[in-house]
Protein backbone atom coordinates (compact mmCIF):
# COMPACT_ATOMS: atom_id res chain seq x y z
CA UNK A 1 144.05 87.18 131.10
CA UNK A 2 143.37 88.32 134.59
CA UNK A 3 145.89 88.22 137.41
CA UNK A 4 144.07 85.29 138.98
CA UNK A 5 145.43 81.78 138.64
CA UNK A 6 143.13 79.51 136.72
CA UNK A 7 143.67 75.84 137.40
CA UNK A 8 142.55 73.16 134.98
CA UNK A 9 142.22 69.48 135.83
CA UNK A 10 142.27 66.90 133.08
CA UNK A 11 143.34 63.32 132.49
CA UNK A 12 146.30 62.12 130.44
CA UNK A 13 146.27 59.20 128.02
CA UNK A 14 146.89 56.80 130.93
CA UNK A 15 143.89 58.05 132.92
CA UNK A 16 146.03 59.91 135.47
CA UNK A 17 144.70 63.24 136.74
CA UNK A 18 146.93 66.14 135.72
CA UNK A 19 146.55 69.74 136.90
CA UNK A 20 147.65 72.73 134.87
CA UNK A 21 147.76 76.45 135.45
CA UNK A 22 146.32 78.30 132.48
CA UNK A 23 149.06 80.83 131.77
CA UNK A 24 147.50 82.53 128.76
CA UNK A 25 145.42 82.06 125.63
CA UNK A 26 146.81 83.22 122.29
CA UNK A 27 145.12 83.40 118.91
CA UNK A 28 146.98 82.44 115.74
CA UNK A 29 145.15 82.42 112.39
CA UNK A 30 141.78 82.70 114.18
CA UNK A 31 142.48 79.57 116.28
CA UNK A 32 142.86 79.78 120.07
CA UNK A 33 145.70 78.01 121.86
CA UNK A 34 146.13 77.53 125.60
CA UNK A 35 149.51 77.91 127.27
CA UNK A 36 149.51 75.49 130.21
CA UNK A 37 152.00 75.07 133.04
CA UNK A 38 151.90 71.60 134.64
CA UNK A 39 151.25 71.61 138.39
CA UNK A 40 152.32 68.07 139.08
CA UNK A 41 155.14 66.05 140.55
CA UNK A 42 154.87 63.51 137.73
CA UNK A 43 158.28 63.22 136.09
CA UNK A 44 156.63 63.00 132.68
CA UNK A 45 155.95 66.73 132.91
CA UNK A 46 158.72 69.20 133.69
CA UNK A 47 157.55 71.88 136.08
CA UNK A 48 158.99 74.73 134.01
CA UNK A 49 157.81 73.42 130.63
CA UNK A 50 154.81 75.19 129.15
CA UNK A 51 152.54 73.03 127.05
CA UNK A 52 150.65 74.45 124.07
CA UNK A 53 147.28 72.93 123.21
CA UNK A 54 144.59 73.91 120.72
CA UNK A 55 141.32 75.04 122.27
CA UNK A 56 138.13 73.74 120.74
CA UNK A 57 134.80 75.22 121.78
CA UNK A 58 131.89 72.79 121.99
CA UNK A 59 128.82 74.76 123.06
CA UNK A 60 129.77 76.43 126.36
CA UNK A 61 132.58 73.95 127.02
CA UNK A 62 136.20 74.08 125.91
CA UNK A 63 138.30 71.03 125.21
CA UNK A 64 142.06 70.80 124.74
CA UNK A 65 143.52 69.13 121.68
CA UNK A 66 147.10 68.05 121.08
CA UNK A 67 148.67 69.81 118.10
CA UNK A 68 149.80 66.94 115.92
CA UNK A 69 150.66 68.95 112.79
CA UNK A 70 154.31 70.04 112.92
CA UNK A 71 153.72 73.11 110.73
CA UNK A 72 150.86 74.29 112.96
CA UNK A 73 152.92 73.71 116.12
CA UNK A 74 155.93 75.55 114.67
CA UNK A 75 153.76 78.52 113.63
CA UNK A 76 152.26 78.81 117.13
CA UNK A 77 155.67 78.37 118.80
CA UNK A 78 157.17 81.09 116.61
CA UNK A 79 154.29 83.44 117.48
CA UNK A 80 154.81 82.80 121.21
CA UNK A 81 158.57 83.42 120.90
CA UNK A 82 157.87 86.73 119.12
CA UNK A 83 155.54 87.75 121.96
CA UNK A 84 158.23 86.87 124.52
CA UNK A 85 160.80 88.92 122.57
CA UNK A 86 158.45 91.95 122.58
CA UNK A 87 157.96 91.60 126.35
CA UNK A 88 161.70 91.33 126.95
CA UNK A 89 162.43 94.51 124.94
């Protein structure tokens, strides 16, 4: 990642526009995941809560997918925690 902020605009399941700052992209088991920080005043999203979404490449476009599999989510979360521990050391 570069030092520049990258903002992403998308729509939630209710059709409301939601903006995120792309914090980082990590790869786990050859799958890319986006770490997103909500930039919204909507109470549904906590401002300090990072969301993890699977990235899917479709041609030149990327789409974000919710991780619905608990095992997959836990594996990615554990990887991110290990990265944070390495940074803190």
